[in-house]
Amino acid sequence: MKYIVYFYLAILQACFIQAAVAEESPSNNNEIPTLEQDFVNSINKFTKAQIIAQFGEPAKADDVKIKTTGKIVASIWQYHFINTAADGTYYETTELDFIDDKVVMVAFMNHNGDEGPENAQQYQVPGK
């Protein structure tokens, strides 16, 4: 009987350890990576609120609204010096293009963003 109790306690302990590890994992996923490729591969998993929580308000934001309702359906946000290239240098501007609340396009620019993304490194964000 004593061995059954020990076995039962060992099983319970293993379950609690797995639950604790499972709870720790999402917190690691809440931070948006800043390295170029990692950023592109993960940014669509984050909402606008999560992006603002990490990087603050964008330096520039333009919204496309439905005229009759005022609902924002698309946005273009620009941040400065938040992403790095593979060699560790910072891009001066990162542009995030949103449809509703999800990023669909990322452009990295080596200028302040006034010139537009035509001469920028652009990426289609992979779908979920």
C-alpha atoms as a PDB file:
ATOM      1  CA  MET A   1       0.000   0.000   0.000  1.00  0.00           C
ATOM      2  CA  LYS A   2       2.867   2.345   0.875  1.00  0.00           C
ATOM      3  CA  TYR A   3       4.381   1.873  -2.604  1.00  0.00           C
ATOM      4  CA  ILE A   4       1.070   2.649  -4.269  1.00  0.00           C
ATOM      5  CA  VAL A   5       0.880   5.956  -2.372  1.00  0.00           C
ATOM      6  CA  TYR A   6       4.478   6.816  -3.389  1.00  0.00           C
ATOM      7  CA  PHE A   7       3.711   5.918  -6.985  1.00  0.00           C
ATOM      8  CA  TYR A   8       0.555   8.057  -6.915  1.00  0.00           C
ATOM      9  CA  LEU A   9       2.478  11.016  -5.444  1.00  0.00           C
ATOM     10  CA  ALA A  10       5.202  10.643  -8.087  1.00  0.00           C
ATOM     11  CA  ILE A  11       2.576  10.718 -10.850  1.00  0.00           C
ATOM     12  CA  LEU A  12       0.946  13.832  -9.361  1.00  0.00           C
ATOM     13  CA  GLN A  13       4.316  15.552  -9.031  1.00  0.00           C
ATOM     14  CA  ALA A  14       5.153  14.771 -12.666  1.00  0.00           C
ATOM     15  CA  CYS A  15       1.804  16.230 -13.745  1.00  0.00           C
ATOM     16  CA  PHE A  16       2.401  19.447 -11.800  1.00  0.00           C
ATOM     17  CA  ILE A  17       5.909  19.814 -13.212  1.00  0.00           C
ATOM     18  CA  GLN A  18       4.562  19.426 -16.761  1.00  0.00           C
ATOM     19  CA  ALA A  19       1.812  21.966 -16.038  1.00  0.00           C
ATOM     20  CA  ALA A  20       4.364  24.465 -14.694  1.00  0.00           C
ATOM     21  CA  VAL A  21       6.600  24.018 -17.736  1.00  0.00           C
ATOM     22  CA  ALA A  22       3.594  24.433 -20.045  1.00  0.00           C
ATOM     23  CA  GLU A  23       2.679  27.676 -18.258  1.00  0.00           C
ATOM     24  CA  GLU A  24       6.217  29.051 -18.639  1.00  0.00           C
ATOM     25  CA  SER A  25       6.422  28.436 -22.374  1.00  0.00           C
ATOM     26  CA  PRO A  26       3.817  30.987 -23.535  1.00  0.00           C
ATOM     27  CA  SER A  27       5.562  33.787 -21.648  1.00  0.00           C
ATOM     28  CA  ASN A  28       8.653  33.142 -23.752  1.00  0.00           C
ATOM     29  CA  ASN A  29       6.491  33.441 -26.874  1.00  0.00           C
ATOM     30  CA  ASN A  30       5.090  36.815 -25.768  1.00  0.00           C
ATOM     31  CA  GLU A  31       8.290  38.633 -26.651  1.00  0.00           C
ATOM     32  CA  ILE A  32       8.575  39.666 -30.268  1.00  0.00           C
ATOM     33  CA  PRO A  33      12.033  38.846 -31.666  1.00  0.00           C
ATOM     34  CA  THR A  34      13.916  41.733 -33.241  1.00  0.00           C
ATOM     35  CA  LEU A  35      16.263  39.836 -35.586  1.00  0.00           C
ATOM     36  CA  GLU A  36      14.995  40.338 -39.161  1.00  0.00           C
ATOM     37  CA  GLN A  37      14.013  36.774 -40.174  1.00  0.00           C
ATOM     38  CA  ASP A  38      12.713  35.790 -36.724  1.00  0.00           C
ATOM     39  CA  PHE A  39      10.630  38.974 -36.645  1.00  0.00           C
ATOM     40  CA  VAL A  40       9.096  38.277 -40.071  1.00  0.00           C
ATOM     41  CA  ASN A  41       8.330  34.661 -39.188  1.00  0.00           C
ATOM     42  CA  SER A  42       6.549  35.500 -35.929  1.00  0.00           C
ATOM     43  CA  ILE A  43       5.059  39.007 -36.143  1.00  0.00           C
ATOM     44  CA  ASN A  44       1.678  37.835 -37.474  1.00  0.00           C
ATOM     45  CA  LYS A  45       1.100  35.932 -34.223  1.00  0.00           C
ATOM     46  CA  PHE A  46       0.886  39.226 -32.316  1.00  0.00           C
ATOM     47  CA  THR A  47      -1.958  41.724 -32.094  1.00  0.00           C
ATOM     48  CA  LYS A  48      -1.597  45.473 -32.370  1.00  0.00           C
ATOM     49  CA  ALA A  49      -1.932  45.726 -28.583  1.00  0.00           C
ATOM     50  CA  GLN A  50       0.930  43.241 -28.042  1.00  0.00           C
ATOM     51  CA  ILE A  51       3.136  45.104 -30.522  1.00  0.00           C
ATOM     52  CA  ILE A  52       2.449  48.405 -28.763  1.00  0.00           C
ATOM     53  CA  ALA A  53       3.127  46.778 -25.387  1.00  0.00           C
ATOM     54  CA  GLN A  54       6.652  45.836 -26.512  1.00  0.00           C
ATOM     55  CA  PHE A  55       7.652  48.679 -28.853  1.00  0.00           C
ATOM     56  CA  GLY A  56       5.345  51.520 -27.797  1.00  0.00           C
ATOM     57  CA  GLU A  57       3.235  53.608 -30.138  1.00  0.00           C
ATOM     58  CA  PRO A  58       4.492  53.714 -33.734  1.00  0.00           C
ATOM     59  CA  ALA A  59       6.443  56.781 -34.875  1.00  0.00           C
ATOM     60  CA  LYS A  60       3.955  57.107 -37.719  1.00  0.00           C
ATOM     61  CA  ALA A  61       0.567  55.462 -38.265  1.00  0.00           C
ATOM     62  CA  ASP A  62      -1.889  55.735 -41.131  1.00  0.00           C
ATOM     63  CA  ASP A  63      -5.278  54.044 -40.971  1.00  0.00           C
ATOM     64  CA  VAL A  64      -7.719  53.080 -43.714  1.00  0.00           C
ATOM     65  CA  LYS A  65     -11.279  53.367 -42.437  1.00  0.00           C
ATOM     66  CA  ILE A  66     -14.674  52.419 -43.794  1.00  0.00           C
ATOM     67  CA  LYS A  67     -16.296  55.771 -44.461  1.00  0.00           C
ATOM     68  CA  THR A  68     -19.762  54.890 -43.173  1.00  0.00           C
ATOM     69  CA  THR A  69     -18.721  53.165 -39.923  1.00  0.00           C
ATOM     70  CA  GLY A  70     -15.281  54.582 -39.190  1.00  0.00           C
ATOM     71  CA  LYS A  71     -14.001  51.048 -38.595  1.00  0.00           C
ATOM     72  CA  ILE A  72     -10.257  50.682 -39.227  1.00  0.00           C
ATOM     73  CA  VAL A  73      -9.710  47.876 -41.768  1.00  0.00           C
ATOM     74  CA  ALA A  74      -6.049  48.438 -42.601  1.00  0.00           C
ATOM     75  CA  SER A  75      -3.104  50.308 -41.086  1.00  0.00           C
ATOM     76  CA  ILE A  76       0.474  51.181 -41.894  1.00  0.00           C
ATOM     77  CA  TRP A  77       2.752  51.651 -38.890  1.00  0.00           C
ATOM     78  CA  GLN A  78       6.370  52.728 -38.856  1.00  0.00           C
ATOM     79  CA  TYR A  79       8.885  52.162 -36.064  1.00  0.00           C
ATOM     80  CA  HIS A  80      12.490  53.309 -35.901  1.00  0.00           C
ATOM     81  CA  PHE A  81      15.497  51.193 -34.871  1.00  0.00           C
ATOM     82  CA  ILE A  82      13.630  48.120 -33.559  1.00  0.00           C
ATOM     83  CA  ASN A  83      14.965  45.435 -35.935  1.00  0.00           C
ATOM     84  CA  THR A  84      18.427  44.177 -36.745  1.00  0.00           C
ATOM     85  CA  ALA A  85      19.832  42.569 -39.849  1.00  0.00           C
ATOM     86  CA  ALA A  86      21.777  39.305 -39.621  1.00  0.00           C
ATOM     87  CA  ASP A  87      25.022  41.286 -39.180  1.00  0.00           C
ATOM     88  CA  GLY A  88      23.612  43.103 -36.132  1.00  0.00           C
ATOM     89  CA  THR A  89      23.076  46.505 -37.731  1.00  0.00           C
ATOM     90  CA  TYR A  90      19.757  48.237 -37.110  1.00  0.00           C
ATOM     91  CA  TYR A  91      17.285  49.126 -39.818  1.00  0.00           C
ATOM     92  CA  GLU A  92      16.369  52.786 -39.488  1.00  0.00           C
ATOM     93  CA  THR A  93      12.688  52.090 -40.148  1.00  0.00           C
ATOM     94  CA  THR A  94      10.435  49.050 -39.931  1.00  0.00           C
ATOM     95  CA  GLU A  95       7.057  49.332 -41.628  1.00  0.00           C
ATOM     96  CA  LEU A  96       4.210  47.035 -40.600  1.00  0.00           C
ATOM     97  CA  ASP A  97       1.173  46.747 -42.876  1.00  0.00           C
ATOM     98  CA  PHE A  98      -1.957  45.465 -41.141  1.00  0.00           C
ATOM     99  CA  ILE A  99      -5.239  44.061 -42.357  1.00  0.00           C
ATOM    100  CA  ASP A 100      -7.615  44.335 -39.417  1.00  0.00           C
ATOM    101  CA  ASP A 101      -5.432  43.423 -36.417  1.00  0.00           C
ATOM    102  CA  LYS A 102      -2.791  41.227 -38.099  1.00  0.00           C
ATOM    103  CA  VAL A 103       0.463  42.103 -39.841  1.00  0.00           C
ATOM    104  CA  VAL A 104       0.486  40.981 -43.482  1.00  0.00           C
ATOM    105  CA  MET A 105       3.602  42.776 -44.787  1.00  0.00           C
ATOM    106  CA  VAL A 106       6.884  43.941 -43.275  1.00  0.00           C
ATOM    107  CA  ALA A 107       9.347  46.341 -44.897  1.00  0.00           C
ATOM    108  CA  PHE A 108      12.810  47.135 -43.497  1.00  0.00           C
ATOM    109  CA  MET A 109      14.229  50.474 -44.648  1.00  0.00           C
ATOM    110  CA  ASN A 110      17.586  52.149 -44.265  1.00  0.00           C
ATOM    111  CA  HIS A 111      16.000  55.610 -44.257  1.00  0.00           C
ATOM    112  CA  ASN A 112      13.427  57.403 -42.082  1.00  0.00           C
ATOM    113  CA  GLY A 113      10.425  56.041 -43.998  1.00  0.00           C
ATOM    114  CA  ASP A 114       9.500  59.250 -45.822  1.00  0.00           C
ATOM    115  CA  GLU A 115      10.714  57.820 -49.121  1.00  0.00           C
ATOM    116  CA  GLY A 116       8.283  54.898 -49.026  1.00  0.00           C
ATOM    117  CA  PRO A 117       8.952  51.150 -49.115  1.00  0.00           C
ATOM    118  CA  GLU A 118       9.774  50.914 -52.841  1.00  0.00           C
ATOM    119  CA  ASN A 119      13.522  50.623 -52.145  1.00  0.00           C
ATOM    120  CA  ALA A 120      13.104  48.581 -48.988  1.00  0.00           C
ATOM    121  CA  GLN A 121      13.592  44.935 -48.107  1.00  0.00           C
ATOM    122  CA  GLN A 122       9.971  43.681 -48.125  1.00  0.00           C
ATOM    123  CA  TYR A 123       8.494  40.432 -46.863  1.00  0.00           C
ATOM    124  CA  GLN A 124       5.059  38.883 -47.155  1.00  0.00           C
ATOM    125  CA  VAL A 125       4.303  37.551 -43.695  1.00  0.00           C
ATOM    126  CA  PRO A 126       3.585  33.807 -43.681  1.00  0.00           C
ATOM    127  CA  GLY A 127      -0.019  32.907 -42.851  1.00  0.00           C
ATOM    128  CA  LYS A 128      -0.937  31.236 -39.623  1.00  0.00           C
END
